[in-house]
Protein backbone atom coordinates (compact mmCIF):
# COMPACT_ATOMS: atom_id res chain seq x y z
CA MET A 1 44.51 -289.57 -154.77
CA PRO A 2 46.16 -288.22 -157.95
CA SER A 3 49.33 -285.96 -157.48
CA ARG A 4 48.95 -282.41 -157.98
CA ARG A 5 50.83 -280.42 -160.73
CA VAL A 6 53.74 -278.87 -158.94
CA VAL A 7 54.51 -274.93 -159.95
CA LEU A 8 57.71 -273.48 -158.60
CA VAL A 9 57.51 -269.40 -158.13
CA GLU A 10 61.16 -268.46 -157.06
CA TYR A 11 61.80 -264.67 -155.98
CA VAL A 12 65.37 -262.97 -156.78
CA CYS A 13 65.66 -259.33 -155.37
CA THR A 14 67.99 -256.83 -157.03
CA ASP A 15 69.03 -253.58 -156.32
CA HIS A 16 67.11 -252.59 -159.22
CA VAL A 17 64.49 -255.52 -159.77
CA THR A 18 62.84 -258.46 -158.78
CA LEU A 19 62.77 -260.69 -161.13
CA VAL A 20 60.47 -264.31 -160.58
CA PHE A 21 61.41 -267.49 -161.94
CA GLY A 22 58.53 -269.75 -162.53
CA ALA A 23 58.88 -273.65 -163.55
CA ARG A 24 56.60 -276.76 -164.27
CA ALA A 25 57.51 -280.14 -165.55
CA ASP A 26 55.64 -279.42 -168.43
CA TRP A 27 57.65 -276.59 -169.39
CA PRO A 28 60.42 -277.06 -171.54
CA GLU A 29 62.42 -274.33 -170.04
CA PRO A 30 61.57 -271.79 -166.74
CA LYS A 31 59.57 -268.73 -167.32
CA VAL A 32 60.86 -265.14 -166.19
CA ILE A 33 58.90 -262.02 -165.42
CA GLU A 34 60.76 -258.62 -164.12
CA ILE A 35 58.96 -256.88 -161.71
CA PRO A 36 59.99 -253.12 -161.27
CA THR A 37 60.60 -253.43 -157.36
CA SER A 38 63.89 -252.90 -156.00
CA LEU A 39 65.39 -254.82 -152.83
CA ASP A 40 65.83 -251.89 -150.93
CA THR A 41 62.20 -250.85 -151.60
CA ILE A 42 61.00 -254.31 -150.46
CA ARG A 43 63.11 -253.68 -147.16
CA ARG A 44 61.86 -250.66 -146.48
CA PHE A 45 57.77 -251.39 -147.21
CA VAL A 46 58.50 -254.46 -144.47
CA VAL A 47 60.29 -252.06 -141.85
CA ASP A 48 58.18 -249.67 -141.99
CA HIS A 49 54.56 -251.37 -142.38
CA PHE A 50 55.14 -255.02 -141.01
CA ASN A 51 51.95 -255.51 -139.05
CA PRO A 52 49.66 -258.99 -139.47
CA HIS A 53 46.82 -256.84 -138.66
CA ALA A 54 47.21 -254.61 -141.53
CA ILE A 55 47.55 -257.49 -144.15
CA GLY A 56 43.87 -256.98 -145.88
CA SER A 57 44.65 -253.21 -146.56
CA ASP A 58 44.66 -251.64 -149.83
CA GLN A 59 48.25 -250.21 -149.05
CA TRP A 60 49.55 -253.93 -148.50
CA ARG A 61 47.42 -255.41 -151.43
CA THR A 62 48.72 -252.63 -153.54
CA PHE A 63 52.52 -253.60 -152.78
CA VAL A 64 52.12 -257.08 -152.78
CA ALA A 65 50.00 -257.54 -156.24
CA PRO A 66 52.55 -257.44 -158.74
CA PHE A 67 54.47 -260.21 -157.09
CA LEU A 68 51.28 -262.14 -157.38
CA ASP A 69 50.42 -261.55 -160.84
CA PRO A 70 52.49 -264.32 -162.37
CA ILE A 71 50.80 -266.92 -161.04
CA ARG A 72 47.49 -266.32 -162.40
CA GLU A 73 49.51 -266.71 -165.98
CA TRP A 74 51.72 -269.90 -164.72
CA ALA A 75 49.41 -271.93 -162.26
CA CYS A 76 45.62 -273.15 -162.58
CA GLU A 77 43.57 -273.33 -159.60
CA GLY A 78 44.56 -276.43 -157.52
CA ASP A 79 48.01 -276.38 -158.91
CA LEU A 80 50.42 -276.72 -155.60
CA LEU A 81 52.53 -273.73 -155.17
CA TRP A 82 55.86 -274.14 -154.39
CA LEU A 83 56.99 -270.79 -153.08
CA VAL A 84 60.79 -269.48 -152.34
CA PRO A 85 61.03 -265.94 -151.52
CA HIS A 86 63.95 -263.74 -151.19
CA ASP A 87 65.51 -261.50 -148.55
CA ALA A 88 62.94 -259.37 -146.90
CA LEU A 89 60.31 -261.30 -149.27
CA HIS A 90 60.24 -263.91 -146.60
CA TYR A 91 58.14 -261.87 -143.87
CA LEU A 92 55.37 -261.37 -146.57
CA PRO A 93 52.95 -264.32 -146.10
CA LEU A 94 52.30 -264.30 -149.77
CA HIS A 95 49.66 -266.90 -149.54
CA ALA A 96 47.49 -264.83 -147.56
CA PHE A 97 47.05 -261.65 -150.35
CA GLU A 98 44.25 -262.16 -153.03
CA LEU A 99 44.65 -263.40 -156.46
CA ASP A 100 41.39 -262.47 -158.11
CA GLY A 101 39.34 -261.33 -154.68
CA ARG A 102 40.43 -264.71 -152.54
CA PRO A 103 43.54 -265.46 -150.72
CA LEU A 104 45.79 -267.13 -152.59
CA THR A 105 45.73 -269.98 -149.88
CA ARG A 106 41.81 -270.89 -151.22
CA ARG A 107 43.23 -271.33 -154.45
CA HIS A 108 46.15 -273.38 -154.23
CA PRO A 109 47.59 -275.58 -151.64
CA ILE A 110 51.11 -273.74 -150.98
CA VAL A 111 54.57 -274.52 -149.11
CA TYR A 112 57.46 -272.60 -148.76
CA SER A 113 61.45 -273.20 -149.01
CA PRO A 114 64.58 -270.83 -148.04
CA SER A 115 65.65 -272.00 -151.48
CA ALA A 116 65.07 -274.38 -154.18
CA ALA A 117 67.86 -276.07 -153.91
CA ILE A 118 67.15 -277.09 -149.92
CA MET A 119 63.95 -278.54 -151.21
CA LYS A 120 66.21 -281.50 -152.71
CA TYR A 121 67.62 -282.05 -148.95
CA CYS A 122 64.21 -281.93 -147.50
CA GLN A 123 62.48 -284.56 -149.78
CA ALA A 124 65.18 -286.85 -149.36
CA ARG A 125 65.02 -286.92 -145.37
CA ARG A 126 61.17 -287.91 -146.13
CA THR A 127 60.61 -291.16 -144.08
CA GLY A 128 57.13 -291.95 -146.15
CA ARG A 129 55.97 -293.31 -142.73
CA ALA A 130 52.43 -293.34 -142.19
CA ARG A 131 52.85 -290.61 -139.00
CA HIS A 132 51.53 -293.19 -136.54
CA ARG A 133 53.49 -291.83 -133.31
CA ALA A 134 53.84 -288.16 -132.01
CA VAL A 135 56.20 -286.79 -129.09
CA VAL A 136 54.16 -283.37 -128.28
CA PHE A 137 55.35 -280.93 -125.64
CA GLY A 138 53.13 -278.23 -124.21
CA ASP A 139 52.92 -275.13 -122.16
CA SER A 140 56.46 -275.48 -120.65
CA ARG A 141 56.58 -272.15 -118.66
CA ASP A 142 53.17 -272.92 -117.21
CA ASP A 143 51.68 -269.58 -119.02
CA LEU A 144 49.75 -270.69 -121.97
CA PRO A 145 46.22 -272.54 -121.07
CA PHE A 146 45.42 -272.80 -124.79
CA ALA A 147 48.78 -274.12 -125.85
CA ARG A 148 48.43 -276.66 -122.98
CA GLU A 149 44.84 -277.77 -124.76
CA GLU A 150 46.47 -277.52 -128.08
CA ALA A 151 48.99 -279.83 -126.92
CA ARG A 152 46.51 -282.50 -125.46
CA MET A 153 44.17 -282.21 -128.25
CA VAL A 154 46.98 -283.14 -130.73
CA ALA A 155 48.47 -286.10 -128.24
CA GLU A 156 44.83 -287.47 -128.11
CA ARG A 157 44.77 -287.93 -132.00
CA PHE A 158 48.14 -290.30 -131.71
CA ASP A 159 47.21 -291.88 -128.49
CA THR A 160 49.71 -290.67 -126.64
CA GLU A 161 50.09 -288.17 -123.68
CA ALA A 162 51.40 -284.77 -124.02
CA ILE A 163 54.94 -283.54 -121.68
CA LEU A 164 53.02 -280.63 -119.97
CA GLY A 165 54.67 -277.69 -117.70
CA ALA A 166 57.35 -278.74 -115.54
CA GLN A 167 57.77 -282.16 -117.02
CA ALA A 168 58.96 -280.20 -120.14
CA THR A 169 62.57 -279.47 -119.91
CA ARG A 170 65.46 -279.63 -122.04
CA ASP A 171 66.62 -283.14 -120.81
CA CYS A 172 63.17 -284.37 -121.42
CA PHE A 173 63.26 -283.25 -124.90
CA LEU A 174 66.66 -284.72 -125.74
CA ALA A 175 65.76 -287.84 -124.27
CA HIS A 176 62.36 -288.21 -126.26
CA THR A 177 63.97 -287.39 -129.63
CA GLN A 178 67.33 -288.45 -129.70
CA ASN A 179 66.53 -292.06 -128.82
CA ALA A 180 67.03 -294.25 -132.05
CA ASP A 181 64.82 -297.17 -130.45
CA GLN A 182 61.78 -295.16 -130.28
CA PRO A 183 61.36 -293.88 -133.79
CA PHE A 184 58.47 -290.72 -134.04
CA ASP A 185 56.95 -289.36 -136.82
CA ILE A 186 55.42 -285.77 -135.50
CA LEU A 187 56.96 -283.94 -133.14
CA HIS A 188 54.58 -281.44 -132.04
CA LEU A 189 55.48 -278.16 -129.84
CA ALA A 190 53.17 -275.93 -128.20
CA CYS A 191 55.35 -273.87 -126.33
CA HIS A 192 56.90 -270.37 -126.59
CA GLY A 193 59.42 -269.69 -129.15
CA SER A 194 62.17 -267.12 -129.16
CA PHE A 195 64.02 -264.51 -131.67
CA ASP A 196 67.09 -262.93 -130.79
CA ALA A 197 67.80 -260.34 -134.06
CA GLY A 198 70.95 -259.66 -132.36
CA HIS A 199 72.16 -263.21 -131.90
CA PRO A 200 70.09 -265.28 -134.21
CA LEU A 201 72.08 -268.50 -132.93
CA GLU A 202 70.72 -268.17 -129.17
CA SER A 203 67.04 -268.03 -130.65
CA GLY A 204 65.02 -271.37 -129.72
CA ILE A 205 62.51 -272.81 -128.05
CA LYS A 206 61.70 -272.15 -124.69
CA LEU A 207 61.47 -275.29 -122.23
CA ALA A 208 60.80 -276.18 -118.40
CA PRO A 209 63.30 -275.04 -116.03
CA ASP A 210 65.03 -277.85 -114.65
CA GLY A 211 66.88 -276.89 -111.38
CA ASP A 212 70.54 -275.05 -112.72
CA LYS A 213 70.33 -276.25 -116.25
CA THR A 214 69.50 -274.00 -118.96
CA ALA A 215 65.80 -274.11 -119.98
CA GLU A 216 66.40 -272.71 -123.41
CA LEU A 217 67.12 -275.17 -126.24
CA THR A 218 68.82 -272.82 -129.09
CA VAL A 219 69.09 -272.90 -132.54
CA GLU A 220 72.98 -273.59 -131.91
CA GLU A 221 72.20 -276.58 -130.29
CA ILE A 222 69.03 -277.83 -132.79
CA PHE A 223 71.99 -277.55 -135.25
CA GLY A 224 73.67 -280.38 -133.98
CA LEU A 225 70.63 -282.77 -133.30
CA GLU A 226 69.41 -285.81 -135.38
CA LEU A 227 65.93 -285.68 -135.52
CA GLY A 228 63.51 -288.49 -137.04
CA ALA A 229 60.54 -286.69 -137.39
CA GLU A 230 58.50 -286.64 -140.75
CA LEU A 231 57.36 -283.36 -139.79
CA VAL A 232 57.48 -280.83 -137.18
CA VAL A 233 55.01 -278.43 -135.50
CA LEU A 234 55.70 -275.07 -134.01
CA GLY A 235 52.76 -273.83 -132.36
CA ALA A 236 54.74 -271.38 -130.71
CA CYS A 237 55.25 -267.26 -131.16
CA GLU A 238 57.15 -266.29 -133.84
CA SER A 239 58.64 -269.56 -134.63
CA GLY A 240 59.20 -268.59 -138.20
CA VAL A 241 60.85 -265.57 -137.80
CA ASN A 242 64.56 -265.78 -139.22
CA ASP A 243 67.71 -263.66 -139.68
CA ARG A 244 68.58 -262.62 -143.11
CA ARG A 245 72.64 -263.18 -143.76
CA ALA A 246 74.79 -263.26 -146.60
CA GLY A 247 73.49 -264.95 -149.58
CA ASP A 248 70.28 -264.82 -148.36
CA GLU A 249 70.90 -267.62 -145.68
CA LEU A 250 68.31 -268.19 -143.15
CA ILE A 251 69.38 -268.62 -139.45
CA GLY A 252 66.29 -269.61 -137.24
CA LEU A 253 64.51 -272.38 -136.05
CA THR A 254 63.15 -273.38 -139.67
CA ARG A 255 66.09 -273.84 -140.95
CA ALA A 256 67.89 -275.62 -138.00
CA LEU A 257 65.17 -277.87 -137.73
CA ILE A 258 65.77 -278.99 -141.28
CA TYR A 259 69.19 -279.25 -141.00
CA ALA A 260 68.54 -281.28 -137.86
CA GLY A 261 66.68 -283.81 -140.34
CA ALA A 262 62.87 -282.78 -140.28
CA PRO A 263 61.64 -282.72 -143.87
CA SER A 264 58.71 -280.52 -143.26
CA VAL A 265 58.42 -277.76 -140.70
CA LEU A 266 55.19 -275.92 -139.84
CA VAL A 267 55.85 -272.83 -138.03
CA SER A 268 54.13 -269.29 -137.47
CA LEU A 269 55.31 -266.05 -138.34
CA TRP A 270 53.80 -263.67 -135.58
CA ARG A 271 52.32 -264.35 -132.53
CA VAL A 272 49.01 -266.52 -132.28
CA ASP A 273 45.67 -266.64 -131.17
CA ASP A 274 44.61 -269.14 -129.14
CA LEU A 275 41.45 -270.23 -130.15
CA SER A 276 42.08 -269.78 -133.80
CA THR A 277 45.21 -272.13 -133.38
CA LEU A 278 43.59 -274.73 -131.67
CA ILE A 279 40.74 -274.72 -134.42
CA LEU A 280 43.28 -274.88 -137.25
CA MET A 281 45.66 -277.45 -135.27
CA ASP A 282 42.49 -279.36 -135.27
CA ALA A 283 41.88 -279.13 -138.64
CA PHE A 284 45.43 -279.56 -139.87
CA TYR A 285 45.76 -283.01 -138.22
CA ASP A 286 42.14 -284.27 -139.25
CA GLY A 287 43.43 -283.66 -142.98
CA LEU A 288 46.58 -285.56 -142.40
CA ALA A 289 44.51 -288.32 -140.84
CA HIS A 290 42.05 -288.41 -144.07
CA GLY A 291 45.48 -288.99 -146.30
CA LEU A 292 45.64 -284.99 -147.62
CA ASN A 293 49.56 -284.05 -147.77
CA LYS A 294 50.89 -281.90 -145.61
CA ALA A 295 50.22 -278.44 -147.96
CA GLU A 296 46.59 -279.72 -148.67
CA ALA A 297 46.20 -280.14 -144.86
CA LEU A 298 47.31 -277.18 -143.98
CA GLN A 299 45.44 -275.22 -147.02
CA GLN A 300 42.21 -276.99 -145.55
CA ALA A 301 42.81 -275.87 -141.45
CA GLN A 302 43.31 -272.17 -142.85
CA CYS A 303 39.98 -272.09 -144.86
CA ARG A 304 38.55 -273.63 -141.88
CA VAL A 305 39.52 -270.77 -139.76
CA MET A 306 38.90 -268.05 -142.12
CA THR A 307 34.92 -269.27 -142.72
CA LEU A 308 34.26 -270.57 -139.65
CA ASP A 309 31.02 -268.50 -137.97
CA GLU A 310 30.31 -267.89 -134.44
CA ALA A 311 28.34 -270.82 -133.92
CA ALA A 312 30.97 -273.07 -135.12
CA ALA A 313 33.18 -271.64 -133.13
CA TYR A 314 31.53 -272.10 -129.95
CA GLY A 315 30.02 -275.46 -130.89
CA PHE A 316 34.03 -276.45 -131.52
CA VAL A 317 34.45 -275.46 -127.75
CA ARG A 318 31.24 -277.06 -126.32
CA ALA A 319 32.17 -280.48 -128.20
CA ARG A 320 35.44 -280.29 -126.54
CA ALA A 321 34.26 -278.92 -123.12
CA ASP A 322 31.63 -281.36 -122.91
CA ALA A 323 34.27 -284.36 -123.62
CA LEU A 324 36.25 -283.02 -120.64
CA LYS A 325 33.78 -282.85 -118.47
CA ARG A 326 32.33 -286.35 -119.28
CA GLY A 327 35.77 -287.36 -118.27
CA GLY A 328 35.46 -285.64 -115.02
CA GLN A 329 38.09 -282.66 -116.11
CA LEU A 330 35.27 -280.16 -115.00
CA GLU A 331 37.99 -277.49 -114.36
CA ARG A 332 39.69 -277.87 -117.74
CA ALA A 333 36.65 -277.62 -119.25
CA GLN A 334 35.87 -274.34 -117.57
CA ARG A 335 38.93 -272.88 -118.41
CA LEU A 336 38.68 -273.85 -122.14
CA GLU A 337 35.26 -272.18 -122.29
CA GLN A 338 36.38 -269.01 -120.63
CA LEU A 339 39.41 -268.59 -122.70
CA ALA A 340 37.34 -269.01 -125.72
CA TYR A 341 35.14 -266.50 -124.44
CA ASP A 342 37.92 -263.98 -123.88
CA SER A 343 39.48 -265.24 -127.37
CA LEU A 344 35.99 -264.14 -129.61
CA LEU A 345 35.68 -260.99 -127.12
CA GLU A 346 39.10 -260.04 -128.49
CA ALA A 347 38.45 -260.70 -131.98
CA GLN A 348 35.01 -258.70 -132.04
CA ASP A 349 37.43 -255.49 -131.45
CA VAL A 350 39.44 -256.04 -134.39
CA ASN A 351 36.89 -257.69 -136.34
CA PRO A 352 33.37 -256.28 -135.82
CA ARG A 353 30.19 -257.96 -136.16
CA PRO A 354 28.58 -257.34 -139.29
CA ALA A 355 25.31 -255.19 -139.67
CA GLY A 356 22.00 -256.76 -140.52
CA GLY A 357 22.47 -259.82 -138.61
CA ALA A 358 24.36 -261.60 -141.07
CA PRO A 359 26.95 -264.49 -139.68
CA TRP A 360 30.03 -263.23 -137.95
CA ARG A 361 33.16 -264.92 -138.73
CA PRO A 362 35.26 -263.97 -136.11
CA PHE A 363 38.51 -265.31 -137.45
CA SER A 364 38.20 -264.29 -141.02
CA LEU A 365 41.10 -261.73 -140.99
CA PRO A 366 44.30 -262.93 -142.46
CA VAL A 367 45.92 -262.25 -138.48
CA TRP A 368 44.15 -265.19 -137.49
CA TRP A 369 44.62 -267.70 -139.84
CA ALA A 370 47.64 -266.55 -142.35
CA PRO A 371 50.62 -266.97 -139.42
CA PHE A 372 51.30 -270.84 -140.08
CA VAL A 373 53.53 -271.47 -143.08
CA LEU A 374 54.83 -274.92 -144.27
CA VAL A 375 58.40 -274.96 -144.99
CA GLY A 376 59.88 -277.97 -146.88
CA ASP A 377 58.51 -281.03 -148.01
CA TRP A 378 54.74 -280.85 -148.75
CA ARG A 379 54.17 -284.53 -149.28
């Protein structure tokens, strides 16, 4: 498969304007566009209006449109977009907004990075392995049945066993990820994430309690680990939320995992829906298995979720439930079917069925397909 052209789009917010820098390998020098939106204006908008359910509103589209306009001039459809937001722009899912009537992610595979400089570090840590071995943790607090199913689904793809519930302790995590004799390519965590705005270094991954030992793997501890994974996937709630510090340094799970050696991290910006996440993860790993790079696989997965109609959603659930029943796991199959029904019922409350009998696409709104972003190396 030929490599795509990469277009770098970096934002720098100042007290008066926002500068947008563009770079491509075929340009003799970068290009710069000035947007008359100040840093304070962006911060106030994010604080006052950040709500995943409102992303498709006219107010959001009007505010974000100037930040996407340069892309129309600099990138052709199909180019890979490397987006480097700044300050509060990190909280805006730029890939979810429309450019010329379509979500940006339908036009381009997209990758983010906290800064342009960190991409070189991410690419240097890329192993280039074929991604055959995975370590998978799920539902470490026994309260995320769909996450448990997600973990099992991912583990099946790599012919391994998911580490679930009470087994998914901090010690177990360290034993599986810090063992140099057993290298792995993908680390998938379908567990709760936590974010402490007052003490961001104490944010982390919620694992299973183990006696008197702490069940939280904090950001501060992750900074001290050595991860050999090619990709870390956090199917957890709000795992991509970070705290801004001086110089736009992001302190959070994303940066900690990159610092610990992961070239790429797939994280969520807000609390995720169970069924849409299960479908997205299935499509994402299917894309990787068929030779797509990570950004292309995520693009495929997001497009799959947003265009999926009700019949296909139920078909996905039925296929998995039938496979479980054939394997004698009737209770697990019934739980999956009930959870899927509940998820679609909730989707209908937010995204009503269209009039006239047209196909209903339950997860067409960005709140369902846009929470996940790829950070770091896209290959």
